[in-house]
Amino acid sequence: MLKSLSLALVAGLSLSASAYAEAPAVQSGSYALEPTHTEVMFGVGHFGFSTYYGQFPGASGSLTLDSANPAASQLDVSVPVANVWTASDKLTDELKSADWLDARAFPAMTFHSTKITSTGPTTADVAGDLTLHGVTKPVVLKATFKRAAVFPMNQKYMIGFDATGHLKRSDFGVSKYVQFGLADDVELIISAPFERKGS
């Protein structure tokens, strides 16, 4: 069980050319993920009765944004697996164990973008390599641009994105209870602001 991207992302980012036409103030440059207000969450079907959600606080990462050519932008995100959190202390401890995420052996989940494809005025598919539990697999994040502006609390120039993605946890070697009906599909839900470096 898990949930990320975000990675960062894990993850998600890029604007289409038309999005930049609508928002000309969006600045190219190097950005750092702002961890305090970043949410990397996961949702897993609980035997068909409900969807159980948890979080991975403390993500870090970088975004190189090219507003003239969004497809040339680059995203890298790292999520500390040992920070996994759920509403149940017992479950949180279990998820860190070797039976699940094995946070001691595999302390980070990472996402590295490999291709960004605009899908609408403010949306893009962000394809990349997600590494989790020592396994790397391709994952696509569906990203939506939120806003670009100077954040009034610290006067830093900031941009923000929401993103969602899906993965099969068994593909990453996290397969406990799949045979009993605990969902294999994991939804990643990410909301991430980025601060422009040097702003």
Protein backbone atom coordinates (compact mmCIF):
# COMPACT_ATOMS: atom_id res chain seq x y z
CA MET A 1 0.00 0.00 0.00
CA LEU A 2 1.33 3.38 -0.81
CA LYS A 3 0.74 6.63 -2.41
CA SER A 4 2.71 9.58 -4.17
CA LEU A 5 4.05 11.80 -7.64
CA SER A 6 4.46 14.32 -6.40
CA LEU A 7 6.66 11.05 -6.78
CA ALA A 8 6.17 14.42 -6.60
CA LEU A 9 5.60 13.30 -7.34
CA VAL A 10 5.77 13.18 -7.53
CA ALA A 11 4.41 15.21 -9.00
CA GLY A 12 2.98 16.50 -11.75
CA LEU A 13 3.67 19.35 -14.10
CA SER A 14 3.78 21.30 -17.25
CA LEU A 15 1.56 23.71 -19.06
CA SER A 16 0.47 23.61 -22.65
CA ALA A 17 1.40 26.43 -25.00
CA SER A 18 -2.15 27.75 -24.89
CA ALA A 19 -2.04 27.78 -21.09
CA TYR A 20 0.94 30.09 -21.21
CA ALA A 21 -0.88 32.31 -23.68
CA GLU A 22 -3.63 32.65 -21.08
CA ALA A 23 -1.13 33.13 -18.25
CA PRO A 24 1.83 35.08 -19.71
CA ALA A 25 3.22 35.82 -16.23
CA VAL A 26 4.32 32.21 -15.77
CA GLN A 27 8.09 32.38 -15.45
CA SER A 28 10.59 29.90 -16.81
CA GLY A 29 13.39 28.82 -14.52
CA SER A 30 14.43 26.48 -11.75
CA TYR A 31 11.96 25.74 -8.96
CA ALA A 32 12.14 23.88 -5.66
CA LEU A 33 9.23 21.90 -4.24
CA GLU A 34 7.77 23.70 -1.23
CA PRO A 35 7.36 20.81 1.25
CA THR A 36 5.25 22.48 3.94
CA HIS A 37 2.19 22.74 1.70
CA THR A 38 2.82 19.74 -0.55
CA GLU A 39 0.47 16.77 -0.17
CA VAL A 40 1.43 13.34 -1.49
CA MET A 41 -1.40 10.94 -0.73
CA PHE A 42 -2.48 7.43 -1.62
CA GLY A 43 -5.83 5.71 -1.83
CA VAL A 44 -6.36 1.94 -1.75
CA GLY A 45 -9.61 0.02 -2.03
CA HIS A 46 -10.24 -1.75 1.29
CA PHE A 47 -11.71 -5.11 0.22
CA GLY A 48 -14.42 -3.28 -1.72
CA PHE A 49 -15.98 -1.73 1.39
CA SER A 50 -14.25 1.66 1.29
CA THR A 51 -11.22 3.55 0.01
CA TYR A 52 -8.49 3.99 2.59
CA TYR A 53 -6.27 7.07 2.36
CA GLY A 54 -2.85 7.91 3.75
CA GLN A 55 -0.06 10.42 3.27
CA PHE A 56 3.66 10.72 2.63
CA PRO A 57 4.75 14.02 4.25
CA GLY A 58 8.12 15.63 3.62
CA ALA A 59 8.54 15.40 -0.14
CA SER A 60 11.37 17.29 -1.82
CA GLY A 61 12.12 17.94 -5.45
CA SER A 62 12.96 20.25 -8.31
CA LEU A 63 11.27 21.49 -11.45
CA THR A 64 12.97 23.07 -14.44
CA LEU A 65 10.21 24.88 -16.27
CA ASP A 66 10.46 26.02 -19.89
CA SER A 67 7.47 28.23 -20.60
CA ALA A 68 8.28 28.53 -24.31
CA ASN A 69 8.52 24.75 -24.68
CA PRO A 70 6.71 22.98 -21.81
CA ALA A 71 7.65 19.55 -23.17
CA ALA A 72 11.28 20.37 -22.37
CA SER A 73 10.51 20.86 -18.68
CA GLN A 74 11.93 18.39 -16.16
CA LEU A 75 10.58 17.16 -12.80
CA ASP A 76 12.35 15.18 -10.08
CA VAL A 77 10.70 14.35 -6.75
CA SER A 78 11.78 12.30 -3.74
CA VAL A 79 9.32 11.12 -1.08
CA PRO A 80 10.51 9.72 2.27
CA VAL A 81 8.73 6.39 2.65
CA ALA A 82 9.48 6.28 6.39
CA ASN A 83 7.19 9.31 6.80
CA VAL A 84 4.12 7.35 5.70
CA TRP A 85 1.11 8.29 7.81
CA THR A 86 -2.42 6.93 8.23
CA ALA A 87 -5.17 7.52 10.78
CA SER A 88 -4.23 4.20 12.42
CA ASP A 89 -0.92 4.06 14.32
CA LYS A 90 -0.94 0.28 14.00
CA LEU A 91 -1.36 0.40 10.23
CA THR A 92 1.24 3.14 9.88
CA ASP A 93 3.81 0.95 11.63
CA GLU A 94 2.84 -2.04 9.49
CA LEU A 95 3.30 -0.07 6.26
CA LYS A 96 6.87 0.81 7.28
CA SER A 97 7.71 -2.84 7.93
CA ALA A 98 9.43 -5.35 5.64
CA ASP A 99 6.02 -6.91 4.86
CA TRP A 100 4.98 -3.73 3.09
CA LEU A 101 7.14 -0.76 2.09
CA ASP A 102 10.26 -1.83 3.99
CA ALA A 103 11.19 1.76 4.76
CA ARG A 104 14.50 0.81 6.34
CA ALA A 105 15.79 -0.90 3.19
CA PHE A 106 14.08 1.45 0.72
CA PRO A 107 13.84 4.86 2.42
CA ALA A 108 12.69 6.91 -0.58
CA MET A 109 10.18 6.77 -3.39
CA THR A 110 11.33 8.82 -6.39
CA PHE A 111 9.85 10.10 -9.63
CA HIS A 112 11.89 11.29 -12.63
CA SER A 113 9.94 12.67 -15.58
CA THR A 114 10.78 11.36 -19.03
CA LYS A 115 8.12 12.97 -21.23
CA ILE A 116 5.58 15.78 -20.83
CA THR A 117 2.62 15.94 -23.20
CA SER A 118 0.09 18.78 -23.18
CA THR A 119 -3.50 17.55 -23.10
CA GLY A 120 -5.43 20.82 -22.72
CA PRO A 121 -5.09 24.52 -21.88
CA THR A 122 -3.99 23.81 -18.31
CA THR A 123 -3.39 20.05 -18.28
CA ALA A 124 -0.61 17.64 -19.23
CA ASP A 125 0.40 14.00 -18.98
CA VAL A 126 3.69 13.71 -17.14
CA ALA A 127 5.29 10.34 -17.89
CA GLY A 128 8.20 9.22 -15.79
CA ASP A 129 10.03 6.51 -13.90
CA LEU A 130 8.71 5.79 -10.42
CA THR A 131 11.07 3.92 -8.11
CA LEU A 132 9.47 2.28 -5.08
CA HIS A 133 10.52 -0.66 -2.91
CA GLY A 134 13.63 -1.04 -5.05
CA VAL A 135 11.67 -1.40 -8.30
CA THR A 136 11.42 1.14 -11.12
CA LYS A 137 8.36 1.23 -13.38
CA PRO A 138 6.83 3.79 -15.76
CA VAL A 139 3.94 5.84 -14.37
CA VAL A 140 1.89 8.65 -15.93
CA LEU A 141 0.67 11.54 -13.79
CA LYS A 142 -2.32 13.58 -14.96
CA ALA A 143 -1.30 17.12 -14.04
CA THR A 144 -3.39 20.29 -13.80
CA PHE A 145 -1.88 23.77 -13.51
CA LYS A 146 -3.38 25.75 -10.61
CA ARG A 147 -1.78 29.19 -10.36
CA ALA A 148 1.38 31.27 -10.83
CA ALA A 149 1.88 34.33 -8.63
CA VAL A 150 3.93 35.95 -5.89
CA PHE A 151 2.99 34.29 -2.60
CA PRO A 152 1.95 37.16 -0.29
CA MET A 153 3.30 35.60 2.91
CA ASN A 154 6.96 35.51 1.84
CA GLN A 155 7.03 37.38 -1.49
CA LYS A 156 8.36 34.29 -3.30
CA TYR A 157 7.23 33.62 -6.87
CA MET A 158 5.31 30.34 -6.82
CA ILE A 159 3.52 28.00 -9.20
CA GLY A 160 1.24 25.13 -8.25
CA PHE A 161 -0.08 21.89 -9.70
CA ASP A 162 -2.44 19.07 -8.82
CA ALA A 163 -1.80 15.59 -10.20
CA THR A 164 -3.21 12.08 -10.03
CA GLY A 165 -1.85 8.72 -11.12
CA HIS A 166 -2.34 4.99 -10.69
CA LEU A 167 -0.01 2.08 -10.12
CA LYS A 168 -0.26 -1.60 -9.24
CA ARG A 169 1.53 -2.13 -5.96
CA SER A 170 2.30 -5.77 -6.83
CA ASP A 171 4.40 -4.49 -9.76
CA PHE A 172 6.68 -2.97 -7.11
CA GLY A 173 6.82 -6.07 -4.94
CA VAL A 174 4.22 -4.84 -2.42
CA SER A 175 1.61 -7.56 -2.76
CA LYS A 176 0.48 -8.42 0.77
CA TYR A 177 -3.21 -9.41 0.93
CA VAL A 178 -3.79 -8.94 -2.81
CA GLN A 179 -4.90 -12.59 -2.91
CA PHE A 180 -7.55 -11.81 -0.26
CA GLY A 181 -9.04 -8.85 -2.08
CA LEU A 182 -7.13 -5.83 -0.78
CA ALA A 183 -6.87 -3.69 -3.90
CA ASP A 184 -3.75 -3.93 -6.04
CA ASP A 185 -4.49 -0.58 -7.69
CA VAL A 186 -3.19 2.44 -5.79
CA GLU A 187 -4.29 5.96 -6.60
CA LEU A 188 -1.72 8.72 -6.19
CA ILE A 189 -3.07 12.17 -5.31
CA ILE A 190 -0.62 15.04 -5.34
CA SER A 191 -0.90 18.78 -4.75
CA ALA A 192 2.41 20.61 -5.03
CA PRO A 193 3.51 24.25 -4.95
CA PHE A 194 6.98 25.15 -6.26
CA GLU A 195 9.04 28.22 -5.36
CA ARG A 196 11.20 29.83 -8.04
CA LYS A 197 14.85 29.76 -7.04
CA GLY A 198 16.38 33.18 -6.69
CA SER A 199 13.01 34.97 -6.56
